[in-house]
Amino acid sequence: MGTDAFQQGGKTFIKYHYDVFNKDQYPAEMFAAAPNLPPCGANKKSSRTWIDIFDSRGKRLFGFCAITKPADLNQLWFALEDGVVPPSYVYIELNDRQTNTKYKSNLADTSE
C-alpha cells in the first residue's frame, strides 16, 4: 500500500503500510472494546481482536490492539530502520481473544 519515512530517537524509519482487502468480511463485534479481557499494556480499552504482523518466517514485526472496526484494517503497518531490507513477504494474524480463534492471512508481497 506504500511507504513513508519518519524520525524517532534521532533515527529514520520506513513505515510499510498494508490494507486487508477482505476486511468487510469480518464482523464488527470482533473489534469491540473488551474490558473483560486482559488489557494491552496501559490500554484498558483494547479490542477483543488483536492483530499482529509477521515476516514469512514467523518473526513478529508489529501489533495492534486497539483496532475498533473492520474498516480500520486498512491502517496496518510495520516500520524498519532506514537501510534495513524489508522481508519479501509478510502475513497478519487476527487473534479473537474472546473465542480464542486465530485467523491467518495469505502472504503479502512487500514490494507492491
PDB file of N, CA and C in Angstrom:
ATOM      1  N   MET A   1       0.809  -1.186   0.000  1.00  0.00           N
ATOM      2  CA  MET A   1       0.000   0.000   0.000  1.00  0.00           C
ATOM      3  C   MET A   1       0.857   1.255   0.000  1.00  0.00           C
ATOM      4  N   GLY A   2       2.128   1.108   0.309  1.00  0.00           N
ATOM      5  CA  GLY A   2       3.000   2.264   0.255  1.00  0.00           C
ATOM      6  C   GLY A   2       3.919   2.361   1.456  1.00  0.00           C
ATOM      7  N   THR A   3       4.803   3.340   1.393  1.00  0.00           N
ATOM      8  CA  THR A   3       5.756   3.567   2.470  1.00  0.00           C
ATOM      9  C   THR A   3       5.860   5.058   2.748  1.00  0.00           C
ATOM     10  N   ASP A   4       6.342   5.376   3.932  1.00  0.00           N
ATOM     11  CA  ASP A   4       6.732   6.749   4.239  1.00  0.00           C
ATOM     12  C   ASP A   4       7.782   6.706   5.336  1.00  0.00           C
ATOM     13  N   ALA A   5       8.559   7.763   5.409  1.00  0.00           N
ATOM     14  CA  ALA A   5       9.646   7.846   6.384  1.00  0.00           C
ATOM     15  C   ALA A   5       9.213   8.696   7.569  1.00  0.00           C
ATOM     16  N   PHE A   6       9.775   8.366   8.744  1.00  0.00           N
ATOM     17  CA  PHE A   6       9.555   9.192   9.926  1.00  0.00           C
ATOM     18  C   PHE A   6      10.793   9.132  10.804  1.00  0.00           C
ATOM     19  N   GLN A   7      10.928  10.120  11.653  1.00  0.00           N
ATOM     20  CA  GLN A   7      12.065  10.226  12.572  1.00  0.00           C
ATOM     21  C   GLN A   7      11.618   9.851  13.981  1.00  0.00           C
ATOM     22  N   GLN A   8      12.474   9.108  14.669  1.00  0.00           N
ATOM     23  CA  GLN A   8      12.208   8.790  16.070  1.00  0.00           C
ATOM     24  C   GLN A   8      13.535   8.498  16.748  1.00  0.00           C
ATOM     25  N   GLY A   9      13.773   9.148  17.860  1.00  0.00           N
ATOM     26  CA  GLY A   9      15.005   8.915  18.602  1.00  0.00           C
ATOM     27  C   GLY A   9      16.258   9.209  17.801  1.00  0.00           C
ATOM     28  N   GLY A  10      16.190  10.190  16.909  1.00  0.00           N
ATOM     29  CA  GLY A  10      17.344  10.553  16.103  1.00  0.00           C
ATOM     30  C   GLY A  10      17.620   9.609  14.945  1.00  0.00           C
ATOM     31  N   LYS A  11      16.729   8.656  14.708  1.00  0.00           N
ATOM     32  CA  LYS A  11      16.900   7.708  13.610  1.00  0.00           C
ATOM     33  C   LYS A  11      15.760   7.870  12.618  1.00  0.00           C
ATOM     34  N   THR A  12      16.013   7.455  11.388  1.00  0.00           N
ATOM     35  CA  THR A  12      14.981   7.464  10.352  1.00  0.00           C
ATOM     36  C   THR A  12      14.456   6.050  10.170  1.00  0.00           C
ATOM     37  N   PHE A  13      13.148   5.937  10.122  1.00  0.00           N
ATOM     38  CA  PHE A  13      12.486   4.655   9.918  1.00  0.00           C
ATOM     39  C   PHE A  13      11.602   4.735   8.683  1.00  0.00           C
ATOM     40  N   ILE A  14      11.401   3.589   8.057  1.00  0.00           N
ATOM     41  CA  ILE A  14      10.478   3.478   6.930  1.00  0.00           C
ATOM     42  C   ILE A  14       9.271   2.685   7.416  1.00  0.00           C
ATOM     43  N   LYS A  15       8.100   3.276   7.227  1.00  0.00           N
ATOM     44  CA  LYS A  15       6.845   2.637   7.619  1.00  0.00           C
ATOM     45  C   LYS A  15       6.228   2.002   6.371  1.00  0.00           C
ATOM     46  N   TYR A  16       5.917   0.713   6.464  1.00  0.00           N
ATOM     47  CA  TYR A  16       5.310  -0.051   5.373  1.00  0.00           C
ATOM     48  C   TYR A  16       3.826  -0.241   5.695  1.00  0.00           C
ATOM     49  N   HIS A  17       2.973   0.313   4.857  1.00  0.00           N
ATOM     50  CA  HIS A  17       1.526   0.299   5.090  1.00  0.00           C
ATOM     51  C   HIS A  17       0.863  -0.873   4.369  1.00  0.00           C
ATOM     52  N   TYR A  18      -0.172  -1.416   5.012  1.00  0.00           N
ATOM     53  CA  TYR A  18      -0.923  -2.531   4.429  1.00  0.00           C
ATOM     54  C   TYR A  18      -2.412  -2.357   4.636  1.00  0.00           C
ATOM     55  N   ASP A  19      -3.160  -2.969   3.741  1.00  0.00           N
ATOM     56  CA  ASP A  19      -4.615  -2.980   3.800  1.00  0.00           C
ATOM     57  C   ASP A  19      -5.065  -4.436   3.738  1.00  0.00           C
ATOM     58  N   VAL A  20      -6.112  -4.762   4.465  1.00  0.00           N
ATOM     59  CA  VAL A  20      -6.718  -6.093   4.393  1.00  0.00           C
ATOM     60  C   VAL A  20      -7.883  -5.972   3.415  1.00  0.00           C
ATOM     61  N   PHE A  21      -7.717  -6.552   2.240  1.00  0.00           N
ATOM     62  CA  PHE A  21      -8.694  -6.352   1.178  1.00  0.00           C
ATOM     63  C   PHE A  21     -10.065  -6.947   1.487  1.00  0.00           C
ATOM     64  N   ASN A  22     -10.113  -8.002   2.287  1.00  0.00           N
ATOM     65  CA  ASN A  22     -11.406  -8.611   2.611  1.00  0.00           C
ATOM     66  C   ASN A  22     -11.900  -8.185   3.997  1.00  0.00           C
ATOM     67  N   LYS A  23     -11.501  -7.003   4.420  1.00  0.00           N
ATOM     68  CA  LYS A  23     -11.857  -6.523   5.763  1.00  0.00           C
ATOM     69  C   LYS A  23     -13.358  -6.477   6.002  1.00  0.00           C
ATOM     70  N   ASP A  24     -14.145  -6.293   4.950  1.00  0.00           N
ATOM     71  CA  ASP A  24     -15.598  -6.223   5.108  1.00  0.00           C
ATOM     72  C   ASP A  24     -16.215  -7.578   5.474  1.00  0.00           C
ATOM     73  N   GLN A  25     -15.434  -8.638   5.421  1.00  0.00           N
ATOM     74  CA  GLN A  25     -15.943  -9.965   5.770  1.00  0.00           C
ATOM     75  C   GLN A  25     -15.820 -10.273   7.263  1.00  0.00           C
ATOM     76  N   TYR A  26     -15.180  -9.379   8.018  1.00  0.00           N
ATOM     77  CA  TYR A  26     -15.032  -9.591   9.457  1.00  0.00           C
ATOM     78  C   TYR A  26     -16.149  -8.856  10.192  1.00  0.00           C
ATOM     79  N   PRO A  27     -16.824  -9.524  11.117  1.00  0.00           N
ATOM     80  CA  PRO A  27     -17.915  -8.863  11.841  1.00  0.00           C
ATOM     81  C   PRO A  27     -17.394  -7.778  12.788  1.00  0.00           C
ATOM     82  N   ALA A  28     -18.148  -6.704  12.893  1.00  0.00           N
ATOM     83  CA  ALA A  28     -17.754  -5.566  13.727  1.00  0.00           C
ATOM     84  C   ALA A  28     -17.534  -5.971  15.180  1.00  0.00           C
ATOM     85  N   GLU A  29     -18.304  -6.938  15.670  1.00  0.00           N
ATOM     86  CA  GLU A  29     -18.161  -7.325  17.081  1.00  0.00           C
ATOM     87  C   GLU A  29     -16.779  -7.895  17.406  1.00  0.00           C
ATOM     88  N   MET A  30     -16.059  -8.352  16.389  1.00  0.00           N
ATOM     89  CA  MET A  30     -14.690  -8.831  16.635  1.00  0.00           C
ATOM     90  C   MET A  30     -13.781  -7.711  17.131  1.00  0.00           C
ATOM     91  N   PHE A  31     -14.152  -6.465  16.861  1.00  0.00           N
ATOM     92  CA  PHE A  31     -13.292  -5.334  17.193  1.00  0.00           C
ATOM     93  C   PHE A  31     -13.879  -4.464  18.304  1.00  0.00           C
ATOM     94  N   ALA A  32     -14.883  -4.979  18.969  1.00  0.00           N
ATOM     95  CA  ALA A  32     -15.498  -4.243  20.077  1.00  0.00           C
ATOM     96  C   ALA A  32     -14.515  -4.142  21.239  1.00  0.00           C
ATOM     97  N   ALA A  33     -14.699  -3.117  22.057  1.00  0.00           N
ATOM     98  CA  ALA A  33     -13.890  -2.991  23.273  1.00  0.00           C
ATOM     99  C   ALA A  33     -14.121  -4.221  24.141  1.00  0.00           C
ATOM    100  N   ALA A  34     -13.064  -4.674  24.792  1.00  0.00           N
ATOM    101  CA  ALA A  34     -13.153  -5.896  25.596  1.00  0.00           C
ATOM    102  C   ALA A  34     -12.572  -5.660  26.991  1.00  0.00           C
ATOM    103  N   PRO A  35     -13.253  -4.854  27.808  1.00  0.00           N
ATOM    104  CA  PRO A  35     -12.728  -4.565  29.144  1.00  0.00           C
ATOM    105  C   PRO A  35     -12.667  -5.793  30.049  1.00  0.00           C
ATOM    106  N   ASN A  36     -13.393  -6.853  29.693  1.00  0.00           N
ATOM    107  CA  ASN A  36     -13.374  -8.084  30.482  1.00  0.00           C
ATOM    108  C   ASN A  36     -12.165  -8.964  30.168  1.00  0.00           C
ATOM    109  N   LEU A  37     -11.417  -8.621  29.108  1.00  0.00           N
ATOM    110  CA  LEU A  37     -10.219  -9.373  28.738  1.00  0.00           C
ATOM    111  C   LEU A  37      -8.983  -8.590  29.176  1.00  0.00           C
ATOM    112  N   PRO A  38      -7.834  -9.248  29.296  1.00  0.00           N
ATOM    113  CA  PRO A  38      -6.623  -8.539  29.733  1.00  0.00           C
ATOM    114  C   PRO A  38      -6.326  -7.323  28.851  1.00  0.00           C
ATOM    115  N   PRO A  39      -5.849  -6.237  29.471  1.00  0.00           N
ATOM    116  CA  PRO A  39      -5.536  -5.028  28.701  1.00  0.00           C
ATOM    117  C   PRO A  39      -4.279  -5.205  27.864  1.00  0.00           C
ATOM    118  N   CYS A  40      -4.083  -4.264  26.977  1.00  0.00           N
ATOM    119  CA  CYS A  40      -2.889  -4.218  26.138  1.00  0.00           C
ATOM    120  C   CYS A  40      -1.977  -3.164  26.747  1.00  0.00           C
ATOM    121  N   GLY A  41      -1.068  -3.573  27.593  1.00  0.00           N
ATOM    122  CA  GLY A  41      -0.234  -2.609  28.307  1.00  0.00           C
ATOM    123  C   GLY A  41      -1.110  -1.719  29.160  1.00  0.00           C
ATOM    124  N   ALA A  42      -0.964  -0.413  28.995  1.00  0.00           N
ATOM    125  CA  ALA A  42      -1.774   0.538  29.762  1.00  0.00           C
ATOM    126  C   ALA A  42      -3.128   0.798  29.110  1.00  0.00           C
ATOM    127  N   ASN A  43      -3.354   0.236  27.923  1.00  0.00           N
ATOM    128  CA  ASN A  43      -4.605   0.459  27.196  1.00  0.00           C
ATOM    129  C   ASN A  43      -5.695  -0.452  27.745  1.00  0.00           C
ATOM    130  N   LYS A  44      -6.547   0.097  28.583  1.00  0.00           N
ATOM    131  CA  LYS A  44      -7.624  -0.690  29.181  1.00  0.00           C
ATOM    132  C   LYS A  44      -8.847  -0.775  28.265  1.00  0.00           C
ATOM    133  N   LYS A  45      -8.776  -0.125  27.102  1.00  0.00           N
ATOM    134  CA  LYS A  45      -9.875  -0.162  26.133  1.00  0.00           C
ATOM    135  C   LYS A  45      -9.473  -0.954  24.893  1.00  0.00           C
ATOM    136  N   SER A  46      -8.606  -1.913  25.073  1.00  0.00           N
ATOM    137  CA  SER A  46      -8.167  -2.686  23.915  1.00  0.00           C
ATOM    138  C   SER A  46      -9.330  -3.495  23.353  1.00  0.00           C
ATOM    139  N   SER A  47      -9.207  -3.831  22.094  1.00  0.00           N
ATOM    140  CA  SER A  47     -10.293  -4.531  21.417  1.00  0.00           C
ATOM    141  C   SER A  47     -10.233  -6.032  21.665  1.00  0.00           C
ATOM    142  N   ARG A  48     -11.334  -6.652  21.360  1.00  0.00           N
ATOM    143  CA  ARG A  48     -11.462  -8.103  21.509  1.00  0.00           C
ATOM    144  C   ARG A  48     -10.441  -8.827  20.632  1.00  0.00           C
ATOM    145  N   THR A  49     -10.192  -8.304  19.431  1.00  0.00           N
ATOM    146  CA  THR A  49      -9.271  -8.939  18.486  1.00  0.00           C
ATOM    147  C   THR A  49      -8.005  -8.108  18.350  1.00  0.00           C
ATOM    148  N   TRP A  50      -6.884  -8.764  18.538  1.00  0.00           N
ATOM    149  CA  TRP A  50      -5.586  -8.124  18.337  1.00  0.00           C
ATOM    150  C   TRP A  50      -5.015  -8.611  17.015  1.00  0.00           C
ATOM    151  N   ILE A  51      -4.251  -7.744  16.355  1.00  0.00           N
ATOM    152  CA  ILE A  51      -3.677  -8.057  15.049  1.00  0.00           C
ATOM    153  C   ILE A  51      -2.158  -7.963  15.143  1.00  0.00           C
ATOM    154  N   ASP A  52      -1.483  -8.975  14.643  1.00  0.00           N
ATOM    155  CA  ASP A  52      -0.021  -8.980  14.599  1.00  0.00           C
ATOM    156  C   ASP A  52       0.436  -9.167  13.162  1.00  0.00           C
ATOM    157  N   ILE A  53       1.540  -8.494  12.819  1.00  0.00           N
ATOM    158  CA  ILE A  53       2.165  -8.629  11.501  1.00  0.00           C
ATOM    159  C   ILE A  53       3.453  -9.425  11.680  1.00  0.00           C
ATOM    160  N   PHE A  54       3.656 -10.423  10.824  1.00  0.00           N
ATOM    161  CA  PHE A  54       4.823 -11.298  10.886  1.00  0.00           C
ATOM    162  C   PHE A  54       5.531 -11.331   9.539  1.00  0.00           C
ATOM    163  N   ASP A  55       6.843 -11.594   9.570  1.00  0.00           N
ATOM    164  CA  ASP A  55       7.518 -11.875   8.307  1.00  0.00           C
ATOM    165  C   ASP A  55       7.225 -13.325   7.930  1.00  0.00           C
ATOM    166  N   SER A  56       7.644 -13.745   6.754  1.00  0.00           N
ATOM    167  CA  SER A  56       7.284 -15.079   6.260  1.00  0.00           C
ATOM    168  C   SER A  56       7.853 -16.211   7.109  1.00  0.00           C
ATOM    169  N   ARG A  57       8.851 -15.916   7.938  1.00  0.00           N
ATOM    170  CA  ARG A  57       9.432 -16.938   8.821  1.00  0.00           C
ATOM    171  C   ARG A  57       8.781 -16.964  10.198  1.00  0.00           C
ATOM    172  N   GLY A  58       7.808 -16.063  10.418  1.00  0.00           N
ATOM    173  CA  GLY A  58       7.097 -16.065  11.689  1.00  0.00           C
ATOM    174  C   GLY A  58       7.620 -15.086  12.718  1.00  0.00           C
ATOM    175  N   LYS A  59       8.549 -14.211  12.339  1.00  0.00           N
ATOM    176  CA  LYS A  59       9.052 -13.197  13.272  1.00  0.00           C
ATOM    177  C   LYS A  59       8.037 -12.055  13.351  1.00  0.00           C
ATOM    178  N   ARG A  60       7.583 -11.751  14.567  1.00  0.00           N
ATOM    179  CA  ARG A  60       6.604 -10.678  14.754  1.00  0.00           C
ATOM    180  C   ARG A  60       7.271  -9.330  14.492  1.00  0.00           C
ATOM    181  N   LEU A  61       6.623  -8.516  13.651  1.00  0.00           N
ATOM    182  CA  LEU A  61       7.151  -7.205  13.290  1.00  0.00           C
ATOM    183  C   LEU A  61       6.456  -6.074  14.036  1.00  0.00           C
ATOM    184  N   PHE A  62       5.156  -6.218  14.277  1.00  0.00           N
ATOM    185  CA  PHE A  62       4.400  -5.178  14.972  1.00  0.00           C
ATOM    186  C   PHE A  62       3.013  -5.716  15.279  1.00  0.00           C
ATOM    187  N   GLY A  63       2.334  -5.052  16.193  1.00  0.00           N
ATOM    188  CA  GLY A  63       0.993  -5.486  16.544  1.00  0.00           C
ATOM    189  C   GLY A  63       0.076  -4.323  16.859  1.00  0.00           C
ATOM    190  N   PHE A  64      -1.207  -4.602  16.786  1.00  0.00           N
ATOM    191  CA  PHE A  64      -2.246  -3.612  17.045  1.00  0.00           C
ATOM    192  C   PHE A  64      -3.267  -4.215  18.000  1.00  0.00           C
ATOM    193  N   CYS A  65      -3.643  -3.457  19.015  1.00  0.00           N
ATOM    194  CA  CYS A  65      -4.608  -3.977  19.986  1.00  0.00           C
ATOM    195  C   CYS A  65      -5.785  -3.036  20.187  1.00  0.00           C
ATOM    196  N   ALA A  66      -5.888  -2.011  19.371  1.00  0.00           N
ATOM    197  CA  ALA A  66      -6.980  -1.046  19.540  1.00  0.00           C
ATOM    198  C   ALA A  66      -7.696  -0.748  18.226  1.00  0.00           C
ATOM    199  N   ILE A  67      -7.700  -1.706  17.307  1.00  0.00           N
ATOM    200  CA  ILE A  67      -8.485  -1.554  16.079  1.00  0.00           C
ATOM    201  C   ILE A  67      -9.951  -1.675  16.493  1.00  0.00           C
ATOM    202  N   THR A  68     -10.771  -0.693  16.136  1.00  0.00           N
ATOM    203  CA  THR A  68     -12.139  -0.649  16.651  1.00  0.00           C
ATOM    204  C   THR A  68     -13.217  -1.062  15.660  1.00  0.00           C
ATOM    205  N   LYS A  69     -12.829  -1.242  14.391  1.00  0.00           N
ATOM    206  CA  LYS A  69     -13.819  -1.668  13.393  1.00  0.00           C
ATOM    207  C   LYS A  69     -13.088  -2.275  12.200  1.00  0.00           C
ATOM    208  N   PRO A  70     -13.773  -3.146  11.457  1.00  0.00           N
ATOM    209  CA  PRO A  70     -13.110  -3.791  10.317  1.00  0.00           C
ATOM    210  C   PRO A  70     -12.507  -2.803   9.321  1.00  0.00           C
ATOM    211  N   ALA A  71     -13.151  -1.669   9.104  1.00  0.00           N
ATOM    212  CA  ALA A  71     -12.627  -0.686   8.143  1.00  0.00           C
ATOM    213  C   ALA A  71     -11.229  -0.207   8.521  1.00  0.00           C
ATOM    214  N   ASP A  72     -10.888  -0.255   9.812  1.00  0.00           N
ATOM    215  CA  ASP A  72      -9.565   0.186  10.262  1.00  0.00           C
ATOM    216  C   ASP A  72      -8.448  -0.775   9.868  1.00  0.00           C
ATOM    217  N   LEU A  73      -8.803  -1.923   9.319  1.00  0.00           N
ATOM    218  CA  LEU A  73      -7.781  -2.865   8.864  1.00  0.00           C
ATOM    219  C   LEU A  73      -7.032  -2.335   7.640  1.00  0.00           C
ATOM    220  N   ASN A  74      -7.396  -1.145   7.174  1.00  0.00           N
ATOM    221  CA  ASN A  74      -6.641  -0.515   6.089  1.00  0.00           C
ATOM    222  C   ASN A  74      -5.518   0.361   6.638  1.00  0.00           C
ATOM    223  N   GLN A  75      -5.313   0.343   7.947  1.00  0.00           N
ATOM    224  CA  GLN A  75      -4.318   1.200   8.589  1.00  0.00           C
ATOM    225  C   GLN A  75      -3.189   0.409   9.247  1.00  0.00           C
ATOM    226  N   LEU A  76      -2.972  -0.807   8.822  1.00  0.00           N
ATOM    227  CA  LEU A  76      -1.917  -1.629   9.414  1.00  0.00           C
ATOM    228  C   LEU A  76      -0.560  -1.235   8.833  1.00  0.00           C
ATOM    229  N   TRP A  77       0.475  -1.365   9.649  1.00  0.00           N
ATOM    230  CA  TRP A  77       1.815  -1.014   9.195  1.00  0.00           C
ATOM    231  C   TRP A  77       2.857  -1.655  10.108  1.00  0.00           C
ATOM    232  N   PHE A  78       4.077  -1.690   9.619  1.00  0.00           N
ATOM    233  CA  PHE A  78       5.240  -2.001  10.452  1.00  0.00           C
ATOM    234  C   PHE A  78       6.356  -1.087   9.986  1.00  0.00           C
ATOM    235  N   ALA A  79       7.344  -0.888  10.827  1.00  0.00           N
ATOM    236  CA  ALA A  79       8.442   0.023  10.496  1.00  0.00           C
ATOM    237  C   ALA A  79       9.781  -0.665  10.710  1.00  0.00           C
ATOM    238  N   LEU A  80      10.723  -0.307   9.859  1.00  0.00           N
ATOM    239  CA  LEU A  80      12.103  -0.775   9.972  1.00  0.00           C
ATOM    240  C   LEU A  80      13.020   0.429   9.841  1.00  0.00           C
ATOM    241  N   GLU A  81      14.166   0.343  10.491  1.00  0.00           N
ATOM    242  CA  GLU A  81      15.129   1.434  10.376  1.00  0.00           C
ATOM    243  C   GLU A  81      15.534   1.585   8.912  1.00  0.00           C
ATOM    244  N   ASP A  82      15.704   2.837   8.485  1.00  0.00           N
ATOM    245  CA  ASP A  82      16.098   3.124   7.113  1.00  0.00           C
ATOM    246  C   ASP A  82      17.367   2.347   6.777  1.00  0.00           C
ATOM    247  N   GLY A  83      17.383   1.696   5.634  1.00  0.00           N
ATOM    248  CA  GLY A  83      18.532   0.906   5.214  1.00  0.00           C
ATOM    249  C   GLY A  83      18.373  -0.580   5.484  1.00  0.00           C
ATOM    250  N   VAL A  84      17.429  -0.950   6.346  1.00  0.00           N
ATOM    251  CA  VAL A  84      17.170  -2.367   6.617  1.00  0.00           C
ATOM    252  C   VAL A  84      16.253  -2.892   5.514  1.00  0.00           C
ATOM    253  N   VAL A  85      16.655  -3.982   4.906  1.00  0.00           N
ATOM    254  CA  VAL A  85      15.866  -4.569   3.823  1.00  0.00           C
ATOM    255  C   VAL A  85      14.618  -5.215   4.428  1.00  0.00           C
ATOM    256  N   PRO A  86      13.438  -4.858   3.923  1.00  0.00           N
ATOM    257  CA  PRO A  86      12.221  -5.460   4.473  1.00  0.00           C
ATOM    258  C   PRO A  86      12.110  -6.927   4.069  1.00  0.00           C
ATOM    259  N   PRO A  87      11.344  -7.694   4.827  1.00  0.00           N
ATOM    260  CA  PRO A  87      11.132  -9.088   4.417  1.00  0.00           C
ATOM    261  C   PRO A  87      10.415  -9.112   3.067  1.00  0.00           C
ATOM    262  N   SER A  88      10.624 -10.159   2.312  1.00  0.00           N
ATOM    263  CA  SER A  88       9.981 -10.266   0.996  1.00  0.00           C
ATOM    264  C   SER A  88       8.470 -10.390   1.112  1.00  0.00           C
ATOM    265  N   TYR A  89       8.023 -11.076   2.160  1.00  0.00           N
ATOM    266  CA  TYR A  89       6.595 -11.309   2.363  1.00  0.00           C
ATOM    267  C   TYR A  89       6.251 -11.149   3.837  1.00  0.00           C
ATOM    268  N   VAL A  90       5.028 -10.737   4.089  1.00  0.00           N
ATOM    269  CA  VAL A  90       4.506 -10.653   5.448  1.00  0.00           C
ATOM    270  C   VAL A  90       3.108 -11.264   5.474  1.00  0.00           C
ATOM    271  N   TYR A  91       2.647 -11.571   6.666  1.00  0.00           N
ATOM    272  CA  TYR A  91       1.263 -12.000   6.847  1.00  0.00           C
ATOM    273  C   TYR A  91       0.765 -11.437   8.164  1.00  0.00           C
ATOM    274  N   ILE A  92      -0.537 -11.433   8.333  1.00  0.00           N
ATOM    275  CA  ILE A  92      -1.111 -10.973   9.592  1.00  0.00           C
ATOM    276  C   ILE A  92      -1.875 -12.113  10.251  1.00  0.00           C
ATOM    277  N   GLU A  93      -1.968 -12.011  11.562  1.00  0.00           N
ATOM    278  CA  GLU A  93      -2.831 -12.895  12.330  1.00  0.00           C
ATOM    279  C   GLU A  93      -3.795 -12.034  13.123  1.00  0.00           C
ATOM    280  N   LEU A  94      -5.057 -12.380  13.043  1.00  0.00           N
ATOM    281  CA  LEU A  94      -6.078 -11.759  13.870  1.00  0.00           C
ATOM    282  C   LEU A  94      -6.379 -12.744  14.985  1.00  0.00           C
ATOM    283  N   ASN A  95      -6.201 -12.314  16.214  1.00  0.00           N
ATOM    284  CA  ASN A  95      -6.411 -13.177  17.369  1.00  0.00           C
ATOM    285  C   ASN A  95      -7.665 -12.712  18.106  1.00  0.00           C
ATOM    286  N   ASP A  96      -8.762 -13.434  17.902  1.00  0.00           N
ATOM    287  CA  ASP A  96     -10.013 -13.132  18.598  1.00  0.00           C
ATOM    288  C   ASP A  96      -9.878 -13.703  20.004  1.00  0.00           C
ATOM    289  N   ARG A  97      -9.620 -12.830  20.948  1.00  0.00           N
ATOM    290  CA  ARG A  97      -9.325 -13.273  22.308  1.00  0.00           C
ATOM    291  C   ARG A  97     -10.558 -13.793  23.038  1.00  0.00           C
ATOM    292  N   GLN A  98     -11.722 -13.411  22.597  1.00  0.00           N
ATOM    293  CA  GLN A  98     -12.946 -13.883  23.254  1.00  0.00           C
ATOM    294  C   GLN A  98     -13.256 -15.328  22.892  1.00  0.00           C
ATOM    295  N   THR A  99     -13.043 -15.684  21.624  1.00  0.00           N
ATOM    296  CA  THR A  99     -13.334 -17.052  21.184  1.00  0.00           C
ATOM    297  C   THR A  99     -12.079 -17.914  21.116  1.00  0.00           C
ATOM    298  N   ASN A 100     -10.917 -17.298  21.383  1.00  0.00           N
ATOM    299  CA  ASN A 100      -9.631 -17.989  21.305  1.00  0.00           C
ATOM    300  C   ASN A 100      -9.414 -18.581  19.906  1.00  0.00           C
ATOM    301  N   THR A 101      -9.745 -17.774  18.881  1.00  0.00           N
ATOM    302  CA  THR A 101      -9.603 -18.189  17.490  1.00  0.00           C
ATOM    303  C   THR A 101      -8.603 -17.275  16.796  1.00  0.00           C
ATOM    304  N   LYS A 102      -7.682 -17.885  16.028  1.00  0.00           N
ATOM    305  CA  LYS A 102      -6.722 -17.105  15.247  1.00  0.00           C
ATOM    306  C   LYS A 102      -7.037 -17.265  13.769  1.00  0.00           C
ATOM    307  N   TYR A 103      -6.980 -16.139  13.064  1.00  0.00           N
ATOM    308  CA  TYR A 103      -7.174 -16.112  11.621  1.00  0.00           C
ATOM    309  C   TYR A 103      -5.869 -15.644  11.003  1.00  0.00           C
ATOM    310  N   LYS A 104      -5.316 -16.439  10.090  1.00  0.00           N
ATOM    311  CA  LYS A 104      -4.035 -16.118   9.464  1.00  0.00           C
ATOM    312  C   LYS A 104      -4.260 -15.766   8.000  1.00  0.00           C
ATOM    313  N   SER A 105      -3.648 -14.666   7.565  1.00  0.00           N
ATOM    314  CA  SER A 105      -3.801 -14.233   6.176  1.00  0.00           C
ATOM    315  C   SER A 105      -2.866 -15.002   5.255  1.00  0.00           C
ATOM    316  N   ASN A 106      -3.057 -14.774   3.980  1.00  0.00           N
ATOM    317  CA  ASN A 106      -2.097 -15.224   2.979  1.00  0.00           C
ATOM    318  C   ASN A 106      -0.863 -14.337   3.072  1.00  0.00           C
ATOM    319  N   LEU A 107       0.216 -14.759   2.441  1.00  0.00           N
ATOM    320  CA  LEU A 107       1.418 -13.931   2.391  1.00  0.00           C
ATOM    321  C   LEU A 107       1.182 -12.737   1.471  1.00  0.00           C
ATOM    322  N   ALA A 108       1.667 -11.578   1.894  1.00  0.00           N
ATOM    323  CA  ALA A 108       1.581 -10.363   1.084  1.00  0.00           C
ATOM    324  C   ALA A 108       2.994  -9.948   0.699  1.00  0.00           C
ATOM    325  N   ASP A 109       3.171  -9.602  -0.545  1.00  0.00           N
ATOM    326  CA  ASP A 109       4.461  -9.170  -1.074  1.00  0.00           C
ATOM    327  C   ASP A 109       4.761  -7.764  -0.567  1.00  0.00           C
ATOM    328  N   THR A 110       5.946  -7.539  -0.035  1.00  0.00           N
ATOM    329  CA  THR A 110       6.292  -6.210   0.484  1.00  0.00           C
ATOM    330  C   THR A 110       6.733  -5.255  -0.611  1.00  0.00           C
ATOM    331  N   SER A 111       6.925  -5.748  -1.822  1.00  0.00           N
ATOM    332  CA  SER A 111       7.390  -4.861  -2.891  1.00  0.00           C
ATOM    333  C   SER A 111       6.242  -4.200  -3.637  1.00  0.00           C
ATOM    334  N   GLU A 112       5.018  -4.565  -3.330  1.00  0.00           N
ATOM    335  CA  GLU A 112       3.863  -3.976  -4.032  1.00  0.00           C
ATOM    336  C   GLU A 112       3.505  -2.644  -3.449  1.00  0.00           C
TER     337      GLU A 112
END
